[in-house]
Amino acid sequence: MSDIILFAHPTFGALGILAAVWVFVEALNASEANQKRIWYASLAVTASIAAAWILGGYWYVNYYYAEKAVILKGPWPWAHNIFMETKEHLFFIPLILAFYLPIVAAKKLAANRLHPHRHEGSRVMSTMTRNVAQAATASGQIYAEREATLDNASTAFGISAAVAILFNTVLAWVKDSYDPLNSFMAHLTGHHWITHGLADILVFLIIGAFLMNRGLRVPGSTVVTAVTGAVVVGGAGLAAWFFLL
């Protein structure tokens, strides 16, 4: 069972990346004909990345403690922090973006092709799918129209995604610096990593709902810049933290 879960965790992660590439290609050629495919593909991204998170958490709680003990007693105990901890906390960035993707995909992107100044839906969704892949593969480019304004939900949850990504990094710093918080998080769900992911998603949903109810409207380029900046700053902050820890 351990091996099955161990291999299923990265397998679902890879499927999530492939589904994100699918959404990206469909979004660049958005039309009425492929609108449903875009929506279904975005849901496949969310389901795959969420499955990777759940399976990874289950394996962490039930099996990883033995492997961790071997690593920490071996000649390279730093390998756990630099590789495992960094990777598993960076994972929460595509997890947050995966939950945001269907919100952008819910918009009828084909309508943007009829208006030269309204490409923000396709642009932002392409950015989200690129960031999902980029967070896991460290590659991709990001671009967006400057004159556009997103719909209410995409704007609110886009800003919320940026906040949640930065929150993810700060929470990693705080819990590793304050053992009582780390222990409390582990007590809630069986492992602090599972609680950490739940906290990130709750922050994303709560702030997004709040901003949507407030009717937040900002240019699409602002949302893309906020999310992209959060990915870069949050990812670099995590890598630096676990490298120096």
Protein backbone atom coordinates (compact mmCIF):
# COMPACT_ATOMS: atom_id res chain seq x y z
CA MET A 1 0.00 0.00 0.00
CA SER A 2 2.85 2.38 0.83
CA ASP A 3 4.35 2.03 -2.63
CA ILE A 4 1.00 2.51 -4.34
CA ILE A 5 0.33 5.77 -2.48
CA LEU A 6 3.94 6.88 -2.94
CA PHE A 7 3.70 6.55 -6.72
CA ALA A 8 0.12 7.87 -6.91
CA HIS A 9 1.15 11.17 -5.28
CA PRO A 10 3.52 12.32 -8.07
CA THR A 11 1.39 10.65 -10.73
CA PHE A 12 -1.60 12.86 -9.93
CA GLY A 13 0.76 15.83 -9.80
CA ALA A 14 1.97 15.04 -13.32
CA LEU A 15 -1.61 14.58 -14.51
CA GLY A 16 -2.44 17.99 -13.06
CA ILE A 17 0.41 19.58 -15.03
CA LEU A 18 -0.71 17.86 -18.24
CA ALA A 19 -4.28 19.05 -17.68
CA ALA A 20 -2.95 22.59 -17.09
CA VAL A 21 -1.15 22.47 -20.45
CA TRP A 22 -4.43 21.28 -22.01
CA VAL A 23 -6.27 24.28 -20.56
CA PHE A 24 -3.51 26.61 -21.73
CA VAL A 25 -3.71 25.41 -25.35
CA GLU A 26 -7.52 25.48 -25.37
CA ALA A 27 -7.56 28.99 -23.85
CA LEU A 28 -5.30 30.33 -26.58
CA ASN A 29 -7.87 29.08 -29.11
CA ALA A 30 -11.02 29.81 -27.09
CA SER A 31 -14.32 29.47 -28.93
CA GLU A 32 -17.87 28.43 -28.22
CA ALA A 33 -16.94 24.96 -29.43
CA ASN A 34 -14.26 24.34 -26.80
CA GLN A 35 -15.72 26.27 -23.86
CA LYS A 36 -16.90 23.08 -22.14
CA ARG A 37 -13.55 21.40 -22.75
CA ILE A 38 -11.80 24.32 -21.08
CA TRP A 39 -14.10 24.02 -18.08
CA TYR A 40 -13.69 20.25 -17.79
CA ALA A 41 -9.92 20.49 -18.20
CA SER A 42 -9.72 23.12 -15.46
CA LEU A 43 -11.67 20.83 -13.14
CA ALA A 44 -9.24 18.02 -14.03
CA VAL A 45 -6.38 20.27 -12.90
CA THR A 46 -8.07 20.95 -9.57
CA ALA A 47 -8.99 17.30 -9.00
CA SER A 48 -5.53 16.00 -9.90
CA ILE A 49 -3.57 18.49 -7.78
CA ALA A 50 -5.99 18.03 -4.86
CA ALA A 51 -5.61 14.24 -5.14
CA ALA A 52 -1.82 14.60 -5.08
CA TRP A 53 -2.15 16.70 -1.92
CA ILE A 54 -4.49 14.26 -0.15
CA LEU A 55 -2.43 11.20 -1.06
CA GLY A 56 0.78 12.96 -0.08
CA GLY A 57 -0.70 13.89 3.28
CA TYR A 58 -1.87 10.34 3.94
CA TRP A 59 1.57 8.96 3.08
CA TYR A 60 3.22 11.60 5.25
CA VAL A 61 1.13 10.63 8.28
CA ASN A 62 1.31 6.86 7.91
CA TYR A 63 4.63 6.04 6.22
CA TYR A 64 7.10 8.89 5.85
CA TYR A 65 8.21 8.97 9.50
CA ALA A 66 10.35 5.85 8.94
CA GLU A 67 12.07 7.25 5.84
CA LYS A 68 12.54 10.62 7.56
CA ALA A 69 14.29 8.96 10.51
CA VAL A 70 16.70 7.20 8.15
CA ILE A 71 17.48 10.45 6.32
CA LEU A 72 18.06 12.42 9.52
CA LYS A 73 20.42 9.74 10.89
CA GLY A 74 22.31 9.43 7.62
CA PRO A 75 25.36 11.36 6.37
CA TRP A 76 23.20 14.01 4.69
CA PRO A 77 20.48 14.98 7.23
CA TRP A 78 20.17 18.39 5.54
CA ALA A 79 18.66 16.66 2.51
CA HIS A 80 15.31 16.46 4.29
CA ASN A 81 15.01 20.23 4.76
CA ILE A 82 16.51 21.35 1.47
CA PHE A 83 14.72 18.88 -0.78
CA MET A 84 11.68 17.38 0.94
CA GLU A 85 10.49 20.36 3.00
CA THR A 86 11.10 22.86 0.20
CA LYS A 87 9.34 20.69 -2.39
CA GLU A 88 6.33 19.92 -0.22
CA HIS A 89 5.77 23.55 0.75
CA LEU A 90 6.28 24.81 -2.79
CA PHE A 91 3.55 22.34 -3.75
CA PHE A 92 0.95 24.53 -2.05
CA ILE A 93 1.49 27.25 -4.68
CA PRO A 94 0.11 25.17 -7.59
CA LEU A 95 -2.54 23.82 -5.19
CA ILE A 96 -3.87 27.34 -4.65
CA LEU A 97 -3.67 28.17 -8.36
CA ALA A 98 -5.42 24.90 -9.21
CA PHE A 99 -8.39 25.95 -7.06
CA TYR A 100 -8.42 29.35 -8.75
CA LEU A 101 -8.33 28.01 -12.32
CA PRO A 102 -11.97 26.82 -12.60
CA ILE A 103 -13.15 30.25 -11.41
CA VAL A 104 -11.47 31.89 -14.41
CA ALA A 105 -12.56 29.07 -16.70
CA ALA A 106 -16.21 29.57 -15.73
CA LYS A 107 -16.22 32.75 -17.80
CA LYS A 108 -17.13 32.45 -21.47
CA LEU A 109 -13.69 33.11 -22.90
CA ALA A 110 -14.82 32.94 -26.51
CA ALA A 111 -16.65 36.25 -26.07
CA ASN A 112 -13.30 37.96 -25.53
CA ARG A 113 -12.26 37.17 -29.09
CA LEU A 114 -15.03 39.46 -30.36
CA HIS A 115 -13.61 42.43 -28.44
CA PRO A 116 -9.94 43.37 -29.04
CA HIS A 117 -9.65 45.02 -25.61
CA ARG A 118 -11.20 42.18 -23.61
CA HIS A 119 -8.69 39.33 -23.77
CA GLU A 120 -8.13 39.32 -20.02
CA GLY A 121 -10.02 36.07 -19.35
CA SER A 122 -7.93 34.01 -21.74
CA ARG A 123 -4.75 35.85 -20.78
CA VAL A 124 -5.23 35.39 -17.04
CA MET A 125 -6.26 31.76 -17.39
CA SER A 126 -3.26 31.11 -19.59
CA THR A 127 -1.18 32.72 -16.88
CA MET A 128 -2.77 30.55 -14.21
CA THR A 129 -2.09 27.36 -16.14
CA ARG A 130 1.45 28.49 -16.87
CA ASN A 131 1.98 29.24 -13.18
CA VAL A 132 0.64 25.82 -12.18
CA ALA A 133 3.19 24.21 -14.50
CA GLN A 134 5.88 26.76 -13.66
CA ALA A 135 5.56 26.21 -9.93
CA ALA A 136 6.28 22.53 -10.49
CA THR A 137 8.73 22.73 -13.42
CA ALA A 138 10.30 26.20 -12.98
CA SER A 139 9.58 27.22 -16.58
CA GLY A 140 7.15 29.37 -18.55
CA GLN A 141 6.47 33.00 -19.45
CA ILE A 142 3.63 35.25 -18.27
CA TYR A 143 1.88 38.06 -20.10
CA ALA A 144 -1.41 39.99 -19.94
CA GLU A 145 -3.36 42.84 -21.52
CA ARG A 146 -3.05 46.15 -19.65
CA GLU A 147 -6.33 47.80 -20.61
CA ALA A 148 -8.64 45.03 -19.40
CA THR A 149 -10.77 44.50 -16.31
CA LEU A 150 -11.68 41.02 -15.10
CA ASP A 151 -15.10 39.91 -13.94
CA ASN A 152 -15.80 40.17 -10.21
CA ALA A 153 -15.10 36.54 -9.25
CA SER A 154 -11.87 36.24 -11.26
CA THR A 155 -10.58 39.51 -9.82
CA ALA A 156 -11.48 38.76 -6.21
CA PHE A 157 -10.13 35.23 -6.16
CA GLY A 158 -7.07 36.24 -8.20
CA ILE A 159 -6.04 38.75 -5.54
CA SER A 160 -6.98 36.18 -2.90
CA ALA A 161 -4.71 33.61 -4.58
CA ALA A 162 -1.80 36.06 -4.37
CA VAL A 163 -2.51 36.66 -0.67
CA ALA A 164 -2.83 32.92 0.04
CA ILE A 165 0.50 32.18 -1.70
CA LEU A 166 2.29 34.75 0.45
CA PHE A 167 0.43 33.48 3.53
CA ASN A 168 1.71 30.00 2.71
CA THR A 169 5.30 31.21 2.91
CA VAL A 170 4.80 33.21 6.10
CA LEU A 171 3.03 30.30 7.79
CA ALA A 172 5.96 28.02 6.91
CA TRP A 173 8.35 30.48 8.52
CA VAL A 174 6.26 30.91 11.67
CA LYS A 175 5.41 27.26 12.32
CA ASP A 176 9.03 26.18 11.89
CA SER A 177 10.16 28.92 14.27
CA TYR A 178 7.47 28.28 16.90
CA ASP A 179 7.20 24.63 17.93
CA PRO A 180 3.86 24.98 19.81
CA LEU A 181 2.17 26.11 16.58
CA ASN A 182 3.76 23.27 14.62
CA SER A 183 2.58 20.76 17.24
CA PHE A 184 -0.91 22.25 17.29
CA MET A 185 -1.20 22.02 13.52
CA ALA A 186 -0.04 18.39 13.63
CA HIS A 187 -2.58 17.62 16.34
CA LEU A 188 -5.48 18.98 14.27
CA THR A 189 -5.13 16.66 11.26
CA GLY A 190 -2.35 14.21 12.11
CA HIS A 191 0.38 16.16 10.31
CA HIS A 192 1.26 19.87 10.15
CA TRP A 193 1.60 19.64 6.34
CA ILE A 194 -2.07 18.66 5.93
CA THR A 195 -3.21 21.48 8.23
CA HIS A 196 -0.96 23.88 6.36
CA GLY A 197 -2.66 23.07 3.06
CA LEU A 198 -6.12 23.39 4.58
CA ALA A 199 -5.19 26.79 6.03
CA ASP A 200 -3.98 27.99 2.62
CA ILE A 201 -7.20 26.93 0.91
CA LEU A 202 -9.36 28.49 3.64
CA VAL A 203 -7.49 31.80 3.33
CA PHE A 204 -7.98 31.68 -0.44
CA LEU A 205 -11.71 30.96 -0.19
CA ILE A 206 -12.50 33.36 2.67
CA ILE A 207 -10.61 36.35 1.29
CA GLY A 208 -11.87 35.64 -2.22
CA ALA A 209 -15.50 35.52 -1.06
CA PHE A 210 -15.02 38.71 0.96
CA LEU A 211 -13.49 40.63 -1.96
CA MET A 212 -16.16 39.32 -4.35
CA ASN A 213 -18.92 40.53 -2.03
CA ARG A 214 -17.21 43.92 -1.92
CA GLY A 215 -17.33 44.07 -5.71
CA LEU A 216 -13.56 44.45 -6.20
CA ARG A 217 -12.67 45.45 -9.78
CA VAL A 218 -9.09 46.09 -10.89
CA PRO A 219 -7.29 45.83 -14.26
CA GLY A 220 -6.50 42.31 -15.38
CA SER A 221 -2.81 43.19 -15.57
CA THR A 222 -2.90 44.01 -11.85
CA VAL A 223 -4.24 40.56 -11.00
CA VAL A 224 -1.63 38.85 -13.18
CA THR A 225 1.16 40.97 -11.68
CA ALA A 226 -0.04 40.23 -8.14
CA VAL A 227 -0.24 36.47 -8.69
CA THR A 228 3.04 36.29 -10.59
CA GLY A 229 4.82 38.40 -7.98
CA ALA A 230 3.42 36.26 -5.18
CA VAL A 231 4.63 33.07 -6.91
CA VAL A 232 8.15 34.46 -7.33
CA VAL A 233 8.43 36.03 -3.86
CA GLY A 234 6.68 33.18 -2.05
CA GLY A 235 8.66 30.50 -3.85
CA ALA A 236 11.99 32.24 -3.32
CA GLY A 237 11.13 32.84 0.33
CA LEU A 238 10.44 29.15 0.92
CA ALA A 239 13.58 28.00 -0.90
CA ALA A 240 15.77 30.44 1.02
CA TRP A 241 14.16 29.53 4.35
CA PHE A 242 14.66 25.79 4.10
CA PHE A 243 18.14 26.19 2.62
CA LEU A 244 19.23 28.31 5.59
CA LEU A 245 17.22 26.42 8.23
